[in-house]
Protein backbone atom coordinates (compact mmCIF):
# COMPACT_ATOMS: atom_id res chain seq x y z
CA MET A 1 -36.78 23.59 41.42
CA THR A 2 -35.03 24.07 44.72
CA ALA A 3 -33.43 20.66 45.12
CA THR A 4 -29.94 21.00 46.41
CA GLY A 5 -27.26 20.01 43.92
CA THR A 6 -29.48 19.95 40.83
CA TYR A 7 -27.27 22.47 39.04
CA THR A 8 -24.05 21.79 40.93
CA PRO A 9 -21.07 21.86 38.53
CA LYS A 10 -19.01 18.71 38.18
CA PRO A 11 -15.49 19.89 37.34
CA GLY A 12 -12.95 17.50 35.86
CA ALA A 13 -11.43 16.34 32.63
CA ALA A 14 -13.48 14.51 30.03
CA PRO A 15 -12.74 10.82 29.44
CA SER A 16 -9.49 10.22 27.56
CA GLY A 17 -11.27 8.71 24.56
CA ARG A 18 -13.48 11.76 24.14
CA MET A 19 -10.53 14.16 24.45
CA ILE A 20 -8.49 12.24 21.90
CA ALA A 21 -11.41 12.06 19.47
CA ALA A 22 -12.02 15.82 19.76
CA GLN A 23 -8.34 16.62 19.25
CA ALA A 24 -8.11 14.21 16.30
CA ALA A 25 -11.11 15.87 14.64
CA LEU A 26 -9.51 19.29 15.16
CA GLU A 27 -6.16 18.11 13.77
CA THR A 28 -7.87 16.66 10.69
CA LYS A 29 -9.84 19.85 10.01
CA MET A 30 -6.72 21.98 10.34
CA LEU A 31 -4.80 19.72 7.98
CA LEU A 32 -7.53 19.69 5.34
CA ARG A 33 -7.88 23.49 5.50
CA ASN A 34 -4.15 24.06 4.95
CA GLY A 35 -3.44 24.78 1.30
CA GLU A 36 0.22 23.71 1.48
CA GLN A 37 -0.73 20.42 3.12
CA LEU A 38 -3.41 19.74 0.50
CA LEU A 39 -0.82 20.39 -2.21
CA LEU A 40 1.48 17.77 -0.70
CA THR A 41 -1.13 15.21 0.24
CA VAL A 42 -3.63 15.40 -2.62
CA VAL A 43 -2.64 17.56 -5.57
CA ILE A 44 0.95 16.39 -6.18
CA PRO A 45 0.26 12.61 -5.93
CA THR A 46 -2.83 12.97 -8.13
CA LEU A 47 -1.01 14.98 -10.80
CA LEU A 48 1.93 12.56 -10.83
CA LEU A 49 -0.37 9.56 -11.21
CA VAL A 50 -2.36 11.10 -14.06
CA LEU A 51 0.65 12.61 -15.86
CA PHE A 52 3.00 9.63 -15.81
CA SER A 53 0.18 7.17 -16.53
CA SER A 54 -0.94 9.16 -19.57
CA VAL A 55 2.40 10.27 -21.02
CA ASP A 56 5.27 7.89 -21.78
CA ILE A 57 8.01 9.81 -19.95
CA VAL A 58 9.58 7.12 -17.77
CA ASP A 59 10.22 3.52 -18.80
CA THR A 60 8.19 1.52 -16.27
CA GLY A 61 8.87 -1.84 -17.89
CA ALA A 62 6.40 -4.33 -19.31
CA GLY A 63 2.70 -3.89 -18.72
CA GLU A 64 0.57 -0.81 -18.23
CA ALA A 65 2.27 2.21 -16.69
CA VAL A 66 -0.60 2.75 -14.24
CA ASP A 67 -0.05 -0.74 -12.78
CA PHE A 68 3.55 0.20 -11.93
CA LEU A 69 2.85 3.77 -10.85
CA THR A 70 -0.17 3.35 -8.58
CA PRO A 71 1.61 1.42 -5.78
CA GLY A 72 4.41 3.98 -5.77
CA ILE A 73 1.98 6.90 -5.68
CA LEU A 74 0.12 5.27 -2.77
CA ALA A 75 3.47 5.03 -0.94
CA LEU A 76 4.15 8.68 -1.78
CA ALA A 77 0.76 9.67 -0.36
CA VAL A 78 1.59 7.93 2.92
CA MET A 79 4.96 9.68 3.10
CA SER A 80 3.52 13.10 2.26
CA THR A 81 1.00 12.89 5.11
CA ALA A 82 2.75 10.88 7.83
CA PHE A 83 6.21 12.40 7.32
CA THR A 84 6.32 15.67 5.41
CA GLY A 85 2.97 17.17 6.39
CA GLN A 86 3.13 16.05 10.01
CA ALA A 87 6.73 17.19 10.46
CA ILE A 88 6.03 20.69 9.13
CA ALA A 89 2.77 21.17 11.03
CA THR A 90 4.15 19.84 14.32
CA GLY A 91 7.37 21.84 13.95
CA PHE A 92 5.51 25.14 13.69
CA GLU A 93 3.12 24.16 16.48
CA ARG A 94 6.19 23.65 18.64
CA ARG A 95 7.68 26.97 17.59
CA TYR A 96 4.52 28.97 18.35
CA GLY A 97 4.07 27.32 21.75
CA VAL A 98 0.95 25.36 20.80
CA LEU A 99 2.42 22.06 21.94
CA LYS A 100 3.57 23.61 25.22
CA ARG A 101 0.04 24.82 25.97
CA LEU A 102 -1.56 21.55 24.90
CA ALA A 103 0.88 19.67 27.13
CA ALA A 104 -0.46 21.67 30.10
CA SER A 105 -4.07 20.77 29.27
CA PRO A 106 -5.95 17.73 30.63
CA LEU A 107 -5.10 15.92 27.38
CA PRO A 108 -1.98 13.84 28.17
CA ARG A 109 0.99 13.99 25.87
CA TRP A 110 0.48 10.43 24.73
CA GLY A 111 -3.14 11.38 23.96
CA LEU A 112 -1.98 14.28 21.79
CA MET A 113 0.36 12.00 19.84
CA THR A 114 -2.46 9.47 19.49
CA ALA A 115 -4.77 12.18 18.17
CA LYS A 116 -2.15 13.28 15.63
CA THR A 117 -1.72 9.69 14.51
CA ALA A 118 -5.49 9.28 14.13
CA SER A 119 -5.60 12.46 12.05
CA VAL A 120 -2.87 11.09 9.80
CA LEU A 121 -4.77 7.82 9.34
CA VAL A 122 -8.03 9.61 8.46
CA THR A 123 -6.22 11.76 5.89
CA GLU A 124 -4.49 8.72 4.40
CA ILE A 125 -7.81 6.90 4.02
CA LEU A 126 -9.19 9.86 2.07
CA GLN A 127 -6.03 9.96 -0.07
CA ILE A 128 -6.09 6.24 -0.81
CA VAL A 129 -9.77 6.30 -1.74
CA LEU A 130 -9.23 9.25 -4.11
CA LEU A 131 -6.10 7.80 -5.74
CA THR A 132 -7.70 4.36 -6.08
CA VAL A 133 -10.72 5.82 -7.88
CA ILE A 134 -8.45 7.76 -10.25
CA ALA A 135 -6.25 4.70 -10.85
CA PHE A 136 -9.27 2.56 -11.72
CA ALA A 137 -10.41 5.27 -14.14
CA LEU A 138 -6.96 5.06 -15.78
CA GLY A 139 -7.25 1.29 -16.20
CA TRP A 140 -5.52 -0.01 -13.06
CA ASP A 141 -5.85 -3.77 -12.50
CA PRO A 142 -4.69 -4.58 -8.93
CA GLN A 143 -3.74 -8.07 -7.80
CA GLY A 144 -2.66 -9.67 -4.55
CA ASN A 145 -3.69 -9.96 -0.91
CA PRO A 146 -5.49 -6.97 0.70
CA LEU A 147 -4.10 -7.96 4.12
CA ALA A 148 -0.54 -7.59 2.87
CA VAL A 149 -1.40 -4.15 1.49
CA LEU A 150 -2.93 -3.13 4.82
CA LEU A 151 0.12 -4.28 6.80
CA LEU A 152 2.45 -2.39 4.46
CA LEU A 153 0.42 0.81 4.79
CA ILE A 154 0.23 0.56 8.60
CA LEU A 155 3.96 -0.09 9.03
CA GLY A 156 4.79 2.58 6.45
CA THR A 157 2.64 5.08 8.34
CA ALA A 158 4.33 4.18 11.65
CA ALA A 159 7.81 4.49 10.12
CA PHE A 160 7.20 7.85 8.47
CA SER A 161 5.27 9.21 11.45
CA GLY A 162 8.14 8.42 13.81
CA LEU A 163 10.67 10.07 11.49
CA GLY A 164 8.44 13.12 11.01
CA LEU A 165 7.92 13.60 14.75
CA LEU A 166 11.65 13.12 15.37
CA MET A 167 12.46 15.87 12.88
CA ALA A 168 9.75 18.21 14.21
CA GLY A 169 10.79 17.68 17.82
CA THR A 170 14.52 18.26 17.37
CA LEU A 171 14.96 20.88 14.62
CA LYS A 172 13.79 24.47 14.43
CA ALA A 173 10.58 25.02 12.49
CA GLU A 174 12.29 26.67 9.52
CA ALA A 175 14.87 23.89 9.35
CA THR A 176 12.09 21.30 9.55
CA LEU A 177 10.24 23.00 6.68
CA ALA A 178 13.32 22.97 4.46
CA ALA A 179 14.51 19.49 5.44
CA ALA A 180 11.10 17.82 5.15
CA ASN A 181 10.49 19.23 1.67
CA LEU A 182 14.02 18.33 0.56
CA VAL A 183 13.65 14.75 1.81
CA PHE A 184 10.27 14.52 0.08
CA LEU A 185 11.80 15.51 -3.27
CA LEU A 186 14.84 13.25 -2.88
CA LEU A 187 12.76 10.21 -1.96
CA LEU A 188 10.29 10.97 -4.76
CA VAL A 189 13.16 10.66 -7.25
CA GLY A 190 15.26 7.96 -5.61
CA GLY A 191 12.71 5.89 -3.73
CA GLY A 192 11.28 3.80 -6.54
CA VAL A 193 8.05 5.81 -6.66
CA ILE A 194 8.19 6.77 -10.32
CA VAL A 195 11.64 5.65 -11.49
CA PRO A 196 12.26 1.89 -11.02
CA LEU A 197 15.16 1.13 -8.70
CA ASP A 198 16.76 -1.07 -11.37
CA LYS A 199 17.46 2.10 -13.37
CA PHE A 200 20.05 3.10 -10.75
CA PRO A 201 23.60 1.67 -10.47
CA SER A 202 23.76 -1.67 -8.69
CA GLY A 203 25.58 -0.23 -5.68
CA ALA A 204 22.99 2.50 -5.25
CA GLN A 205 20.15 -0.01 -5.56
CA ASP A 206 21.31 -1.85 -2.43
CA VAL A 207 21.32 1.37 -0.41
CA LEU A 208 18.10 2.81 -1.84
CA GLY A 209 16.30 -0.48 -1.26
CA LEU A 210 16.74 -0.02 2.51
CA LEU A 211 14.86 3.30 2.57
CA PRO A 212 11.32 3.21 3.99
CA ILE A 213 9.79 4.71 0.84
CA SER A 214 11.53 2.05 -1.29
CA ALA A 215 10.37 -0.77 0.98
CA LEU A 216 6.81 0.55 0.97
CA SER A 217 6.59 1.20 -2.78
CA ASP A 218 8.32 -2.08 -3.71
CA GLY A 219 6.21 -4.07 -1.29
CA LEU A 220 2.99 -2.57 -2.60
CA ARG A 221 4.15 -3.11 -6.17
CA ASP A 222 5.04 -6.76 -5.55
CA VAL A 223 1.57 -7.38 -4.13
CA LEU A 224 -0.64 -5.15 -6.26
CA GLN A 225 1.15 -5.50 -9.60
CA HIS A 226 2.68 -8.97 -9.44
CA GLY A 227 0.25 -10.68 -7.07
CA ALA A 228 3.01 -11.75 -4.67
CA GLY A 229 2.30 -13.14 -1.21
CA MET A 230 3.34 -11.48 2.03
CA PRO A 231 6.45 -9.32 1.31
CA TRP A 232 8.28 -10.19 4.53
CA GLY A 233 11.51 -8.48 3.54
CA ASP A 234 9.87 -5.12 2.91
CA LEU A 235 7.69 -5.50 6.01
CA GLY A 236 10.83 -6.15 8.05
CA ILE A 237 12.55 -3.02 6.75
CA LEU A 238 9.49 -0.91 7.55
CA ALA A 239 9.19 -2.46 11.01
CA VAL A 240 12.80 -1.56 11.82
CA TRP A 241 12.28 2.03 10.65
CA ALA A 242 9.05 2.25 12.65
CA VAL A 243 10.63 1.01 15.88
CA VAL A 244 13.76 3.16 15.52
CA GLY A 245 11.86 6.28 14.44
CA LEU A 246 9.16 6.12 17.11
CA ALA A 247 11.66 5.26 19.85
CA ALA A 248 13.95 8.12 18.85
CA ALA A 249 11.02 10.54 18.63
CA GLY A 250 9.84 9.51 22.08
CA LYS A 251 13.30 10.02 23.57
CA PHE A 252 14.47 13.21 21.86
CA PHE A 253 11.22 15.11 21.16
CA ARG A 254 11.32 18.55 22.76
CA TRP A 255 7.98 20.19 23.52
CA GLU A 256 9.41 23.73 23.73
């Protein structure tokens, strides 16, 4: 075996698709191994769904409580992963210099953001499957168009992802940790997830209805509980949040 060039190295970066896939797999493994992230993304939504569906604590109106609660809990799962979890994880990666080092690697910055988005989507799929199985066990009877549900989830993910990256790229890690958890709690209470928006004063309802969590939970509820068609109003609100959040994150995100 003396042929020239048989074992000659071929330096260079791997194809972009392979790099993104490898980084996405790493991001997903890190997220699933993080106890705090699992608490936000899996444990809390599951407990809320089981507790409020089994115990008559909140007046959810006519019909089964699980039919009202499941769409809101699905919206909460999207927010916990795309916004809260991603903001905290990315904020500390930025603080410890991980993002700075990754930015100097052959993986382009847009590829890193794509990998993070793919990781969020994989985690959300696992969440939705788990919550759907539990909801069916509790007697959930979904209605409506699956395409409308898919569009709502995609736009909701884009909106929350943009806001999470904006927070992580502009605030210090400790401030991101506190702010992301505070926003999570506030939107859990005031975003129509568990408590119907019509329980709030009329003036507050108009404001709360414009929040991304309210648009996502109400849109999912209209489709899955009431069998409505395409919820264009809620899709429009989510689209605006997605465009504004992603554009602001792209402009103001600081890698160091």
